[in-house]
């Protein structure tokens, strides 16, 4: 007999973290601080890297707890328009 694989096994497998990069207008160090502060409270966000020179924010997150739409909404809460610059990629 061959090995069997059940859906329950798939559901128990831990989801891997994902990383996404957003294009965001970042004009000053205060913007950097506000972005980091905002994402410190976002559920599922594990790491935020702000690159003012490139006008990019890279976020590492748990995809079972948040997604790009929620993160874009978080940018809007602090008056920032953000678009996905590079699509989410699985890491780990």
PDB file of N, CA and C in Angstrom:
ATOM      1  N   UNK A   1       0.833  -1.183   0.000  1.00  0.00           N
ATOM      2  CA  UNK A   1       0.000   0.000   0.000  1.00  0.00           C
ATOM      3  C   UNK A   1       0.879   1.248   0.000  1.00  0.00           C
ATOM      4  N   UNK A   2       0.395   2.281  -0.666  1.00  0.00           N
ATOM      5  CA  UNK A   2       1.139   3.532  -0.716  1.00  0.00           C
ATOM      6  C   UNK A   2       0.854   4.392   0.503  1.00  0.00           C
ATOM      7  N   UNK A   3       1.655   5.381   0.678  1.00  0.00           N
ATOM      8  CA  UNK A   3       1.462   6.313   1.788  1.00  0.00           C
ATOM      9  C   UNK A   3       0.225   7.165   1.529  1.00  0.00           C
ATOM     10  N   UNK A   4      -0.475   7.471   2.591  1.00  0.00           N
ATOM     11  CA  UNK A   4      -1.664   8.319   2.448  1.00  0.00           C
ATOM     12  C   UNK A   4      -1.367   9.702   2.983  1.00  0.00           C
ATOM     13  N   UNK A   5      -2.058  10.656   2.442  1.00  0.00           N
ATOM     14  CA  UNK A   5      -1.874  12.049   2.830  1.00  0.00           C
ATOM     15  C   UNK A   5      -3.259  12.637   3.032  1.00  0.00           C
ATOM     16  N   UNK A   6      -3.515  13.178   4.201  1.00  0.00           N
ATOM     17  CA  UNK A   6      -4.853  13.697   4.478  1.00  0.00           C
ATOM     18  C   UNK A   6      -4.861  15.211   4.518  1.00  0.00           C
ATOM     19  N   UNK A   7      -6.056  15.777   4.361  1.00  0.00           N
ATOM     20  CA  UNK A   7      -6.186  17.233   4.458  1.00  0.00           C
ATOM     21  C   UNK A   7      -5.832  17.714   5.853  1.00  0.00           C
ATOM     22  N   UNK A   8      -6.102  16.918   6.874  1.00  0.00           N
ATOM     23  CA  UNK A   8      -5.781  17.307   8.245  1.00  0.00           C
ATOM     24  C   UNK A   8      -4.282  17.542   8.391  1.00  0.00           C
ATOM     25  N   UNK A   9      -3.477  16.738   7.702  1.00  0.00           N
ATOM     26  CA  UNK A   9      -2.035  16.943   7.756  1.00  0.00           C
ATOM     27  C   UNK A   9      -1.660  18.279   7.131  1.00  0.00           C
ATOM     28  N   UNK A  10      -2.309  18.641   6.025  1.00  0.00           N
ATOM     29  CA  UNK A  10      -2.040  19.918   5.376  1.00  0.00           C
ATOM     30  C   UNK A  10      -2.418  21.082   6.274  1.00  0.00           C
ATOM     31  N   UNK A  11      -3.540  20.973   6.961  1.00  0.00           N
ATOM     32  CA  UNK A  11      -4.018  22.062   7.796  1.00  0.00           C
ATOM     33  C   UNK A  11      -3.122  22.278   9.005  1.00  0.00           C
ATOM     34  N   UNK A  12      -2.459  21.235   9.481  1.00  0.00           N
ATOM     35  CA  UNK A  12      -1.594  21.360  10.645  1.00  0.00           C
ATOM     36  C   UNK A  12      -0.218  21.912  10.279  1.00  0.00           C
ATOM     37  N   UNK A  13       0.140  21.857   9.020  1.00  0.00           N
ATOM     38  CA  UNK A  13       1.441  22.368   8.596  1.00  0.00           C
ATOM     39  C   UNK A  13       1.474  23.879   8.825  1.00  0.00           C
ATOM     40  N   UNK A  14       2.506  24.374   9.506  1.00  0.00           N
ATOM     41  CA  UNK A  14       2.555  25.809   9.784  1.00  0.00           C
ATOM     42  C   UNK A  14       2.750  26.619   8.503  1.00  0.00           C
ATOM     43  N   UNK A  15       2.053  27.724   8.441  1.00  0.00           N
ATOM     44  CA  UNK A  15       2.219  28.638   7.309  1.00  0.00           C
ATOM     45  C   UNK A  15       3.565  29.327   7.454  1.00  0.00           C
ATOM     46  N   UNK A  16       4.222  29.517   6.363  1.00  0.00           N
ATOM     47  CA  UNK A  16       5.496  30.224   6.392  1.00  0.00           C
ATOM     48  C   UNK A  16       5.231  31.722   6.312  1.00  0.00           C
ATOM     49  N   UNK A  17       6.151  32.493   6.853  1.00  0.00           N
ATOM     50  CA  UNK A  17       6.025  33.944   6.775  1.00  0.00           C
ATOM     51  C   UNK A  17       6.183  34.392   5.332  1.00  0.00           C
ATOM     52  N   UNK A  18       5.679  35.581   5.063  1.00  0.00           N
ATOM     53  CA  UNK A  18       5.823  36.179   3.742  1.00  0.00           C
ATOM     54  C   UNK A  18       6.449  37.556   3.886  1.00  0.00           C
ATOM     55  N   UNK A  19       7.024  38.028   2.791  1.00  0.00           N
ATOM     56  CA  UNK A  19       7.632  39.361   2.756  1.00  0.00           C
ATOM     57  C   UNK A  19       7.088  40.082   1.534  1.00  0.00           C
ATOM     58  N   UNK A  20       6.726  41.344   1.725  1.00  0.00           N
ATOM     59  CA  UNK A  20       6.213  42.161   0.630  1.00  0.00           C
ATOM     60  C   UNK A  20       6.859  43.540   0.722  1.00  0.00           C
ATOM     61  N   UNK A  21       7.065  44.165  -0.427  1.00  0.00           N
ATOM     62  CA  UNK A  21       7.619  45.513  -0.455  1.00  0.00           C
ATOM     63  C   UNK A  21       6.591  46.457  -1.050  1.00  0.00           C
ATOM     64  N   UNK A  22       6.390  47.575  -0.353  1.00  0.00           N
ATOM     65  CA  UNK A  22       5.456  48.605  -0.790  1.00  0.00           C
ATOM     66  C   UNK A  22       6.217  49.834  -1.263  1.00  0.00           C
ATOM     67  N   UNK A  23       5.670  50.504  -2.268  1.00  0.00           N
ATOM     68  CA  UNK A  23       6.177  51.808  -2.692  1.00  0.00           C
ATOM     69  C   UNK A  23       5.374  52.847  -1.913  1.00  0.00           C
ATOM     70  N   UNK A  24       6.079  53.711  -1.179  1.00  0.00           N
ATOM     71  CA  UNK A  24       5.436  54.700  -0.317  1.00  0.00           C
ATOM     72  C   UNK A  24       6.250  55.989  -0.361  1.00  0.00           C
ATOM     73  N   UNK A  25       5.561  57.123  -0.405  1.00  0.00           N
ATOM     74  CA  UNK A  25       6.278  58.397  -0.338  1.00  0.00           C
ATOM     75  C   UNK A  25       6.764  58.604   1.091  1.00  0.00           C
ATOM     76  N   UNK A  26       8.078  58.729   1.244  1.00  0.00           N
ATOM     77  CA  UNK A  26       8.701  58.914   2.558  1.00  0.00           C
ATOM     78  C   UNK A  26       9.588  60.146   2.447  1.00  0.00           C
ATOM     79  N   UNK A  27       9.127  61.266   2.994  1.00  0.00           N
ATOM     80  CA  UNK A  27       9.836  62.523   2.773  1.00  0.00           C
ATOM     81  C   UNK A  27      10.779  62.928   3.903  1.00  0.00           C
ATOM     82  N   UNK A  28      10.604  62.342   5.085  1.00  0.00           N
ATOM     83  CA  UNK A  28      11.456  62.771   6.194  1.00  0.00           C
ATOM     84  C   UNK A  28      11.604  61.663   7.231  1.00  0.00           C
ATOM     85  N   UNK A  29      12.464  61.896   8.202  1.00  0.00           N
ATOM     86  CA  UNK A  29      12.680  60.894   9.246  1.00  0.00           C
ATOM     87  C   UNK A  29      11.438  60.710  10.111  1.00  0.00           C
ATOM     88  N   UNK A  30      10.606  61.730  10.194  1.00  0.00           N
ATOM     89  CA  UNK A  30       9.352  61.615  10.934  1.00  0.00           C
ATOM     90  C   UNK A  30       8.423  60.604  10.262  1.00  0.00           C
ATOM     91  N   UNK A  31       8.438  60.575   8.930  1.00  0.00           N
ATOM     92  CA  UNK A  31       7.634  59.594   8.185  1.00  0.00           C
ATOM     93  C   UNK A  31       8.097  58.178   8.519  1.00  0.00           C
ATOM     94  N   UNK A  32       9.405  57.989   8.562  1.00  0.00           N
ATOM     95  CA  UNK A  32       9.977  56.680   8.888  1.00  0.00           C
ATOM     96  C   UNK A  32       9.490  56.245  10.267  1.00  0.00           C
ATOM     97  N   UNK A  33       9.577  57.154  11.222  1.00  0.00           N
ATOM     98  CA  UNK A  33       9.163  56.873  12.595  1.00  0.00           C
ATOM     99  C   UNK A  33       7.675  56.529  12.666  1.00  0.00           C
ATOM    100  N   UNK A  34       6.842  57.294  11.962  1.00  0.00           N
ATOM    101  CA  UNK A  34       5.397  57.052  11.972  1.00  0.00           C
ATOM    102  C   UNK A  34       5.042  55.698  11.362  1.00  0.00           C
ATOM    103  N   UNK A  35       5.717  55.335  10.288  1.00  0.00           N
ATOM    104  CA  UNK A  35       5.460  54.040   9.645  1.00  0.00           C
ATOM    105  C   UNK A  35       5.826  52.904  10.599  1.00  0.00           C
ATOM    106  N   UNK A  36       7.002  52.980  11.201  1.00  0.00           N
ATOM    107  CA  UNK A  36       7.433  51.925  12.129  1.00  0.00           C
ATOM    108  C   UNK A  36       6.489  51.826  13.325  1.00  0.00           C
ATOM    109  N   UNK A  37       6.055  52.973  13.829  1.00  0.00           N
ATOM    110  CA  UNK A  37       5.133  52.993  14.969  1.00  0.00           C
ATOM    111  C   UNK A  37       3.792  52.368  14.587  1.00  0.00           C
ATOM    112  N   UNK A  38       3.272  52.715  13.417  1.00  0.00           N
ATOM    113  CA  UNK A  38       1.991  52.178  12.960  1.00  0.00           C
ATOM    114  C   UNK A  38       2.044  50.659  12.828  1.00  0.00           C
ATOM    115  N   UNK A  39       3.099  50.152  12.240  1.00  0.00           N
ATOM    116  CA  UNK A  39       3.182  48.716  11.990  1.00  0.00           C
ATOM    117  C   UNK A  39       3.561  47.913  13.233  1.00  0.00           C
ATOM    118  N   UNK A  40       4.042  48.577  14.261  1.00  0.00           N
ATOM    119  CA  UNK A  40       4.324  47.889  15.524  1.00  0.00           C
ATOM    120  C   UNK A  40       3.037  47.335  16.133  1.00  0.00           C
ATOM    121  N   UNK A  41       1.903  47.927  15.776  1.00  0.00           N
ATOM    122  CA  UNK A  41       0.612  47.514  16.333  1.00  0.00           C
ATOM    123  C   UNK A  41      -0.217  46.668  15.377  1.00  0.00           C
ATOM    124  N   UNK A  42       0.305  46.388  14.198  1.00  0.00           N
ATOM    125  CA  UNK A  42      -0.439  45.583  13.226  1.00  0.00           C
ATOM    126  C   UNK A  42      -0.270  44.100  13.534  1.00  0.00           C
ATOM    127  N   UNK A  43      -1.387  43.422  13.730  1.00  0.00           N
ATOM    128  CA  UNK A  43      -1.386  41.994  14.042  1.00  0.00           C
ATOM    129  C   UNK A  43      -0.739  41.212  12.891  1.00  0.00           C
ATOM    130  N   UNK A  44       0.173  40.327  13.240  1.00  0.00           N
ATOM    131  CA  UNK A  44       0.810  39.467  12.249  1.00  0.00           C
ATOM    132  C   UNK A  44       2.091  40.019  11.653  1.00  0.00           C
ATOM    133  N   UNK A  45       2.370  41.309  11.870  1.00  0.00           N
ATOM    134  CA  UNK A  45       3.591  41.912  11.317  1.00  0.00           C
ATOM    135  C   UNK A  45       4.768  41.553  12.219  1.00  0.00           C
ATOM    136  N   UNK A  46       5.815  41.021  11.615  1.00  0.00           N
ATOM    137  CA  UNK A  46       6.981  40.580  12.376  1.00  0.00           C
ATOM    138  C   UNK A  46       8.186  41.504  12.228  1.00  0.00           C
ATOM    139  N   UNK A  47       8.301  42.176  11.079  1.00  0.00           N
ATOM    140  CA  UNK A  47       9.452  43.051  10.845  1.00  0.00           C
ATOM    141  C   UNK A  47       9.081  44.097   9.806  1.00  0.00           C
ATOM    142  N   UNK A  48       9.583  45.312  10.012  1.00  0.00           N
ATOM    143  CA  UNK A  48       9.341  46.410   9.067  1.00  0.00           C
ATOM    144  C   UNK A  48      10.674  47.075   8.773  1.00  0.00           C
ATOM    145  N   UNK A  49      11.006  47.175   7.504  1.00  0.00           N
ATOM    146  CA  UNK A  49      12.238  47.847   7.064  1.00  0.00           C
ATOM    147  C   UNK A  49      11.834  49.019   6.177  1.00  0.00           C
ATOM    148  N   UNK A  50      12.232  50.214   6.564  1.00  0.00           N
ATOM    149  CA  UNK A  50      11.888  51.412   5.802  1.00  0.00           C
ATOM    150  C   UNK A  50      13.147  51.915   5.108  1.00  0.00           C
ATOM    151  N   UNK A  51      13.068  52.090   3.786  1.00  0.00           N
ATOM    152  CA  UNK A  51      14.185  52.607   3.006  1.00  0.00           C
ATOM    153  C   UNK A  51      13.746  53.939   2.406  1.00  0.00           C
ATOM    154  N   UNK A  52      14.127  55.018   3.089  1.00  0.00           N
ATOM    155  CA  UNK A  52      13.713  56.352   2.652  1.00  0.00           C
ATOM    156  C   UNK A  52      14.290  56.695   1.282  1.00  0.00           C
ATOM    157  N   UNK A  53      15.526  56.320   1.022  1.00  0.00           N
ATOM    158  CA  UNK A  53      16.170  56.633  -0.258  1.00  0.00           C
ATOM    159  C   UNK A  53      15.438  55.994  -1.437  1.00  0.00           C
ATOM    160  N   UNK A  54      14.976  54.758  -1.257  1.00  0.00           N
ATOM    161  CA  UNK A  54      14.270  54.049  -2.334  1.00  0.00           C
ATOM    162  C   UNK A  54      12.760  54.256  -2.290  1.00  0.00           C
ATOM    163  N   UNK A  55      12.279  54.929  -1.219  1.00  0.00           N
ATOM    164  CA  UNK A  55      10.835  55.147  -1.050  1.00  0.00           C
ATOM    165  C   UNK A  55      10.094  53.812  -0.969  1.00  0.00           C
ATOM    166  N   UNK A  56      10.651  52.895  -0.157  1.00  0.00           N
ATOM    167  CA  UNK A  56      10.070  51.558  -0.030  1.00  0.00           C
ATOM    168  C   UNK A  56       9.981  51.124   1.428  1.00  0.00           C
ATOM    169  N   UNK A  57       8.958  50.323   1.696  1.00  0.00           N
ATOM    170  CA  UNK A  57       8.788  49.708   3.009  1.00  0.00           C
ATOM    171  C   UNK A  57       8.629  48.206   2.779  1.00  0.00           C
ATOM    172  N   UNK A  58       9.493  47.417   3.410  1.00  0.00           N
ATOM    173  CA  UNK A  58       9.430  45.965   3.288  1.00  0.00           C
ATOM    174  C   UNK A  58       8.923  45.399   4.609  1.00  0.00           C
ATOM    175  N   UNK A  59       7.882  44.579   4.511  1.00  0.00           N
ATOM    176  CA  UNK A  59       7.228  44.030   5.700  1.00  0.00           C
ATOM    177  C   UNK A  59       7.290  42.502   5.664  1.00  0.00           C
ATOM    178  N   UNK A  60       7.726  41.915   6.766  1.00  0.00           N
ATOM    179  CA  UNK A  60       7.672  40.471   6.954  1.00  0.00           C
ATOM    180  C   UNK A  60       6.485  40.206   7.868  1.00  0.00           C
ATOM    181  N   UNK A  61       5.634  39.254   7.465  1.00  0.00           N
ATOM    182  CA  UNK A  61       4.386  39.054   8.202  1.00  0.00           C
ATOM    183  C   UNK A  61       3.902  37.612   8.129  1.00  0.00           C
ATOM    184  N   UNK A  62       2.968  37.301   9.015  1.00  0.00           N
ATOM    185  CA  UNK A  62       2.310  35.998   9.041  1.00  0.00           C
ATOM    186  C   UNK A  62       1.049  36.118   8.185  1.00  0.00           C
ATOM    187  N   UNK A  63       0.974  35.426   7.046  1.00  0.00           N
ATOM    188  CA  UNK A  63      -0.165  35.576   6.141  1.00  0.00           C
ATOM    189  C   UNK A  63      -1.487  35.030   6.682  1.00  0.00           C
ATOM    190  N   UNK A  64      -1.440  34.309   7.794  1.00  0.00           N
ATOM    191  CA  UNK A  64      -2.692  33.849   8.395  1.00  0.00           C
ATOM    192  C   UNK A  64      -3.306  34.928   9.280  1.00  0.00           C
ATOM    193  N   UNK A  65      -2.543  35.996   9.561  1.00  0.00           N
ATOM    194  CA  UNK A  65      -3.032  37.052  10.451  1.00  0.00           C
ATOM    195  C   UNK A  65      -3.225  38.397   9.772  1.00  0.00           C
ATOM    196  N   UNK A  66      -2.600  38.611   8.627  1.00  0.00           N
ATOM    197  CA  UNK A  66      -2.766  39.876   7.908  1.00  0.00           C
ATOM    198  C   UNK A  66      -2.492  39.650   6.429  1.00  0.00           C
ATOM    199  N   UNK A  67      -2.751  40.677   5.632  1.00  0.00           N
ATOM    200  CA  UNK A  67      -2.492  40.590   4.193  1.00  0.00           C
ATOM    201  C   UNK A  67      -2.178  41.983   3.653  1.00  0.00           C
ATOM    202  N   UNK A  68      -1.884  42.058   2.370  1.00  0.00           N
ATOM    203  CA  UNK A  68      -1.475  43.342   1.792  1.00  0.00           C
ATOM    204  C   UNK A  68      -2.590  44.382   1.861  1.00  0.00           C
ATOM    205  N   UNK A  69      -3.842  43.970   1.728  1.00  0.00           N
ATOM    206  CA  UNK A  69      -4.954  44.932   1.807  1.00  0.00           C
ATOM    207  C   UNK A  69      -5.021  45.580   3.180  1.00  0.00           C
ATOM    208  N   UNK A  70      -4.840  44.797   4.217  1.00  0.00           N
ATOM    209  CA  UNK A  70      -4.858  45.346   5.581  1.00  0.00           C
ATOM    210  C   UNK A  70      -3.674  46.278   5.808  1.00  0.00           C
ATOM    211  N   UNK A  71      -2.520  45.907   5.246  1.00  0.00           N
ATOM    212  CA  UNK A  71      -1.345  46.758   5.422  1.00  0.00           C
ATOM    213  C   UNK A  71      -1.502  48.077   4.665  1.00  0.00           C
ATOM    214  N   UNK A  72      -2.084  48.030   3.475  1.00  0.00           N
ATOM    215  CA  UNK A  72      -2.339  49.266   2.730  1.00  0.00           C
ATOM    216  C   UNK A  72      -3.295  50.153   3.526  1.00  0.00           C
ATOM    217  N   UNK A  73      -4.286  49.547   4.177  1.00  0.00           N
ATOM    218  CA  UNK A  73      -5.209  50.302   5.033  1.00  0.00           C
ATOM    219  C   UNK A  73      -4.458  50.929   6.211  1.00  0.00           C
ATOM    220  N   UNK A  74      -3.468  50.222   6.752  1.00  0.00           N
ATOM    221  CA  UNK A  74      -2.664  50.756   7.856  1.00  0.00           C
ATOM    222  C   UNK A  74      -1.865  51.974   7.397  1.00  0.00           C
ATOM    223  N   UNK A  75      -1.341  51.936   6.180  1.00  0.00           N
ATOM    224  CA  UNK A  75      -0.651  53.109   5.633  1.00  0.00           C
ATOM    225  C   UNK A  75      -1.619  54.286   5.532  1.00  0.00           C
ATOM    226  N   UNK A  76      -2.829  54.028   5.048  1.00  0.00           N
ATOM    227  CA  UNK A  76      -3.827  55.090   4.893  1.00  0.00           C
ATOM    228  C   UNK A  76      -4.166  55.741   6.229  1.00  0.00           C
ATOM    229  N   UNK A  77      -4.171  54.954   7.308  1.00  0.00           N
ATOM    230  CA  UNK A  77      -4.470  55.482   8.642  1.00  0.00           C
ATOM    231  C   UNK A  77      -3.485  56.570   9.061  1.00  0.00           C
ATOM    232  N   UNK A  78      -2.275  56.530   8.521  1.00  0.00           N
ATOM    233  CA  UNK A  78      -1.286  57.566   8.849  1.00  0.00           C
ATOM    234  C   UNK A  78      -1.067  58.518   7.670  1.00  0.00           C
ATOM    235  N   UNK A  79      -2.018  58.516   6.745  1.00  0.00           N
ATOM    236  CA  UNK A  79      -1.978  59.468   5.640  1.00  0.00           C
ATOM    237  C   UNK A  79      -1.039  59.121   4.503  1.00  0.00           C
ATOM    238  N   UNK A  80      -0.699  57.859   4.375  1.00  0.00           N
ATOM    239  CA  UNK A  80       0.221  57.432   3.318  1.00  0.00           C
ATOM    240  C   UNK A  80      -0.499  56.564   2.294  1.00  0.00           C
ATOM    241  N   UNK A  81      -0.233  56.828   1.021  1.00  0.00           N
ATOM    242  CA  UNK A  81      -0.713  55.958  -0.050  1.00  0.00           C
ATOM    243  C   UNK A  81       0.395  54.957  -0.341  1.00  0.00           C
ATOM    244  N   UNK A  82       0.033  53.695  -0.391  1.00  0.00           N
ATOM    245  CA  UNK A  82       1.021  52.644  -0.648  1.00  0.00           C
ATOM    246  C   UNK A  82       0.514  51.716  -1.735  1.00  0.00           C
ATOM    247  N   UNK A  83       1.450  51.251  -2.548  1.00  0.00           N
ATOM    248  CA  UNK A  83       1.137  50.235  -3.551  1.00  0.00           C
ATOM    249  C   UNK A  83       2.162  49.110  -3.417  1.00  0.00           C
ATOM    250  N   UNK A  84       1.763  47.923  -3.819  1.00  0.00           N
ATOM    251  CA  UNK A  84       2.672  46.778  -3.749  1.00  0.00           C
ATOM    252  C   UNK A  84       3.726  46.937  -4.842  1.00  0.00           C
ATOM    253  N   UNK A  85       4.991  47.036  -4.433  1.00  0.00           N
ATOM    254  CA  UNK A  85       6.095  47.182  -5.387  1.00  0.00           C
ATOM    255  C   UNK A  85       6.609  45.817  -5.839  1.00  0.00           C
ATOM    256  N   UNK A  86       6.706  44.896  -4.901  1.00  0.00           N
ATOM    257  CA  UNK A  86       7.062  43.512  -5.232  1.00  0.00           C
ATOM    258  C   UNK A  86       6.069  42.605  -4.526  1.00  0.00           C
ATOM    259  N   UNK A  87       5.493  41.657  -5.248  1.00  0.00           N
ATOM    260  CA  UNK A  87       4.467  40.784  -4.668  1.00  0.00           C
ATOM    261  C   UNK A  87       4.994  39.984  -3.479  1.00  0.00           C
ATOM    262  N   UNK A  88       4.074  39.536  -2.623  1.00  0.00           N
ATOM    263  CA  UNK A  88       4.497  38.737  -1.468  1.00  0.00           C
ATOM    264  C   UNK A  88       5.272  37.493  -1.896  1.00  0.00           C
ATOM    265  N   UNK A  89       6.316  37.186  -1.126  1.00  0.00           N
ATOM    266  CA  UNK A  89       7.095  35.978  -1.367  1.00  0.00           C
ATOM    267  C   UNK A  89       7.213  35.213  -0.057  1.00  0.00           C
ATOM    268  N   UNK A  90       7.137  33.903  -0.142  1.00  0.00           N
ATOM    269  CA  UNK A  90       7.265  33.056   1.037  1.00  0.00           C
ATOM    270  C   UNK A  90       8.725  33.032   1.453  1.00  0.00           C
ATOM    271  N   UNK A  91       8.959  33.168   2.754  1.00  0.00           N
ATOM    272  CA  UNK A  91      10.327  33.109   3.282  1.00  0.00           C
ATOM    273  C   UNK A  91      10.385  32.035   4.355  1.00  0.00           C
ATOM    274  N   UNK A  92      11.524  31.776   4.906  1.00  0.00           N
ATOM    275  CA  UNK A  92      11.808  30.766   5.951  1.00  0.00           C
ATOM    276  C   UNK A  92      12.477  29.581   5.328  1.00  0.00           C
TER     277      UNK A  92
END
